[in-house]
Amino acid sequence: MAIDRIQTAIRFTEETMLKIAYIARKNHRSLNAELAFLAQNCIEKFESEYGEIQLSDEEKNKYRR
């Protein structure tokens, strides 16, 4: 089964991580699901202000394994 998600490591201060985990619990999400939700909202906000992000083939392949 193909997985369409890329695993990554993000570094936070302990306080930031604990606060995001708190928000995730309040939203009935896992920490990972909350971070994905926040990232998607950030992208949508950016694109609504500046237009759709057009990625070059080089940019698309940068983080592929």
N, C-alpha and C. Protein backbone atom coordinates (compact mmCIF):
# COMPACT_ATOMS: atom_id res chain seq x y z
N MET A 1 0.84 -1.18 0.00
CA MET A 1 0.00 0.00 0.00
C MET A 1 0.89 1.24 0.00
N ALA A 2 0.67 2.14 -0.92
CA ALA A 2 1.44 3.37 -1.02
C ALA A 2 0.98 4.37 0.04
N ILE A 3 1.94 5.07 0.59
CA ILE A 3 1.63 6.10 1.58
C ILE A 3 1.93 7.44 0.95
N ASP A 4 0.98 8.37 1.03
CA ASP A 4 1.15 9.66 0.37
C ASP A 4 1.65 10.74 1.32
N ARG A 5 2.24 10.35 2.42
CA ARG A 5 2.75 11.32 3.38
C ARG A 5 4.24 11.10 3.59
N ILE A 6 4.95 12.18 3.82
CA ILE A 6 6.38 12.13 4.06
C ILE A 6 6.61 12.32 5.56
N GLN A 7 7.41 11.44 6.13
CA GLN A 7 7.74 11.56 7.55
C GLN A 7 8.84 12.60 7.70
N THR A 8 8.70 13.43 8.72
CA THR A 8 9.70 14.46 8.98
C THR A 8 9.88 14.62 10.47
N ALA A 9 10.94 15.29 10.86
CA ALA A 9 11.18 15.61 12.26
C ALA A 9 11.12 17.13 12.41
N ILE A 10 10.37 17.57 13.38
CA ILE A 10 10.26 19.01 13.64
C ILE A 10 10.76 19.26 15.05
N ARG A 11 11.53 20.29 15.23
CA ARG A 11 12.04 20.62 16.57
C ARG A 11 11.26 21.81 17.12
N PHE A 12 10.73 21.63 18.31
CA PHE A 12 10.01 22.68 19.02
C PHE A 12 10.64 22.85 20.40
N THR A 13 10.40 24.00 21.01
CA THR A 13 10.70 24.10 22.42
C THR A 13 9.71 23.21 23.15
N GLU A 14 10.05 22.80 24.35
CA GLU A 14 9.15 21.94 25.11
C GLU A 14 7.79 22.62 25.33
N GLU A 15 7.82 23.90 25.66
CA GLU A 15 6.56 24.62 25.91
C GLU A 15 5.68 24.67 24.66
N THR A 16 6.27 24.93 23.51
CA THR A 16 5.50 24.96 22.27
C THR A 16 4.89 23.60 21.97
N MET A 17 5.68 22.54 22.12
CA MET A 17 5.17 21.20 21.85
C MET A 17 4.02 20.86 22.79
N LEU A 18 4.17 21.19 24.07
CA LEU A 18 3.12 20.89 25.04
C LEU A 18 1.84 21.67 24.73
N LYS A 19 1.99 22.91 24.30
CA LYS A 19 0.82 23.73 23.98
C LYS A 19 0.11 23.22 22.72
N ILE A 20 0.87 22.81 21.72
CA ILE A 20 0.24 22.25 20.51
C ILE A 20 -0.45 20.94 20.85
N ALA A 21 0.18 20.12 21.68
CA ALA A 21 -0.44 18.86 22.10
C ALA A 21 -1.73 19.13 22.87
N TYR A 22 -1.74 20.16 23.69
CA TYR A 22 -2.95 20.55 24.43
C TYR A 22 -4.07 20.94 23.46
N ILE A 23 -3.73 21.77 22.47
CA ILE A 23 -4.71 22.19 21.46
C ILE A 23 -5.23 20.97 20.71
N ALA A 24 -4.34 20.06 20.35
CA ALA A 24 -4.74 18.84 19.64
C ALA A 24 -5.76 18.05 20.45
N ARG A 25 -5.49 17.87 21.73
CA ARG A 25 -6.44 17.14 22.59
C ARG A 25 -7.79 17.84 22.63
N LYS A 26 -7.79 19.16 22.76
CA LYS A 26 -9.05 19.92 22.79
C LYS A 26 -9.82 19.79 21.48
N ASN A 27 -9.10 19.62 20.38
CA ASN A 27 -9.71 19.46 19.06
C ASN A 27 -9.96 18.00 18.71
N HIS A 28 -9.71 17.10 19.67
CA HIS A 28 -9.91 15.65 19.47
C HIS A 28 -9.09 15.13 18.29
N ARG A 29 -7.85 15.60 18.22
CA ARG A 29 -6.92 15.16 17.18
C ARG A 29 -5.65 14.65 17.82
N SER A 30 -4.93 13.83 17.09
CA SER A 30 -3.58 13.46 17.51
C SER A 30 -2.68 14.67 17.27
N LEU A 31 -1.51 14.64 17.88
CA LEU A 31 -0.55 15.73 17.65
C LEU A 31 -0.22 15.82 16.17
N ASN A 32 0.01 14.68 15.52
CA ASN A 32 0.34 14.68 14.11
C ASN A 32 -0.80 15.26 13.27
N ALA A 33 -2.04 14.86 13.57
CA ALA A 33 -3.19 15.37 12.82
C ALA A 33 -3.35 16.88 13.03
N GLU A 34 -3.08 17.36 14.23
CA GLU A 34 -3.17 18.80 14.50
C GLU A 34 -2.13 19.57 13.71
N LEU A 35 -0.91 19.06 13.68
CA LEU A 35 0.15 19.73 12.93
C LEU A 35 -0.16 19.74 11.44
N ALA A 36 -0.69 18.64 10.90
CA ALA A 36 -1.08 18.60 9.49
C ALA A 36 -2.20 19.60 9.22
N PHE A 37 -3.17 19.67 10.14
CA PHE A 37 -4.29 20.62 10.01
C PHE A 37 -3.77 22.06 10.01
N LEU A 38 -2.87 22.38 10.93
CA LEU A 38 -2.33 23.74 11.01
C LEU A 38 -1.53 24.09 9.75
N ALA A 39 -0.76 23.14 9.25
CA ALA A 39 0.03 23.37 8.04
C ALA A 39 -0.88 23.62 6.84
N GLN A 40 -1.94 22.82 6.71
CA GLN A 40 -2.88 22.99 5.60
C GLN A 40 -3.56 24.35 5.67
N ASN A 41 -3.96 24.76 6.88
CA ASN A 41 -4.57 26.08 7.05
C ASN A 41 -3.61 27.20 6.68
N CYS A 42 -2.35 27.04 7.03
CA CYS A 42 -1.33 28.02 6.69
C CYS A 42 -1.18 28.15 5.17
N ILE A 43 -1.14 27.02 4.49
CA ILE A 43 -1.01 27.01 3.03
C ILE A 43 -2.23 27.68 2.39
N GLU A 44 -3.42 27.32 2.85
CA GLU A 44 -4.65 27.90 2.29
C GLU A 44 -4.70 29.41 2.50
N LYS A 45 -4.30 29.88 3.67
CA LYS A 45 -4.28 31.32 3.94
C LYS A 45 -3.29 32.02 3.02
N PHE A 46 -2.09 31.46 2.91
CA PHE A 46 -1.06 32.05 2.05
C PHE A 46 -1.55 32.13 0.61
N GLU A 47 -2.11 31.01 0.11
CA GLU A 47 -2.56 30.99 -1.28
C GLU A 47 -3.76 31.90 -1.51
N SER A 48 -4.60 32.10 -0.52
CA SER A 48 -5.73 33.01 -0.70
C SER A 48 -5.25 34.46 -0.81
N GLU A 49 -4.13 34.76 -0.19
CA GLU A 49 -3.57 36.11 -0.23
C GLU A 49 -2.68 36.34 -1.45
N TYR A 50 -1.92 35.30 -1.85
CA TYR A 50 -0.88 35.48 -2.87
C TYR A 50 -1.06 34.64 -4.12
N GLY A 51 -2.08 33.79 -4.14
CA GLY A 51 -2.30 32.91 -5.27
C GLY A 51 -1.69 31.55 -5.04
N GLU A 52 -2.10 30.62 -5.89
CA GLU A 52 -1.64 29.25 -5.74
C GLU A 52 -0.13 29.14 -5.87
N ILE A 53 0.46 28.36 -5.03
CA ILE A 53 1.90 28.12 -5.08
C ILE A 53 2.17 27.15 -6.23
N GLN A 54 3.00 27.55 -7.15
CA GLN A 54 3.39 26.71 -8.28
C GLN A 54 4.78 26.15 -8.00
N LEU A 55 4.88 24.86 -7.83
CA LEU A 55 6.16 24.23 -7.54
C LEU A 55 6.82 23.71 -8.81
N SER A 56 8.10 23.99 -8.94
CA SER A 56 8.85 23.44 -10.08
C SER A 56 9.09 21.96 -9.83
N ASP A 57 9.48 21.24 -10.88
CA ASP A 57 9.81 19.82 -10.73
C ASP A 57 10.94 19.64 -9.72
N GLU A 58 11.90 20.54 -9.74
CA GLU A 58 13.02 20.48 -8.78
C GLU A 58 12.51 20.60 -7.35
N GLU A 59 11.59 21.54 -7.12
CA GLU A 59 11.03 21.71 -5.78
C GLU A 59 10.19 20.51 -5.37
N LYS A 60 9.45 19.94 -6.31
CA LYS A 60 8.62 18.78 -6.01
C LYS A 60 9.48 17.58 -5.63
N ASN A 61 10.64 17.45 -6.23
CA ASN A 61 11.50 16.29 -5.99
C ASN A 61 12.47 16.48 -4.82
N LYS A 62 12.56 17.69 -4.29
CA LYS A 62 13.54 17.99 -3.26
C LYS A 62 13.42 17.10 -2.03
N TYR A 63 12.21 16.82 -1.58
CA TYR A 63 12.03 16.06 -0.36
C TYR A 63 11.53 14.63 -0.60
N ARG A 64 11.46 14.22 -1.85
CA ARG A 64 11.09 12.84 -2.15
C ARG A 64 12.26 11.93 -1.88
N ARG A 65 11.95 10.72 -1.54
CA ARG A 65 13.04 9.76 -1.22
C ARG A 65 13.34 8.91 -2.41
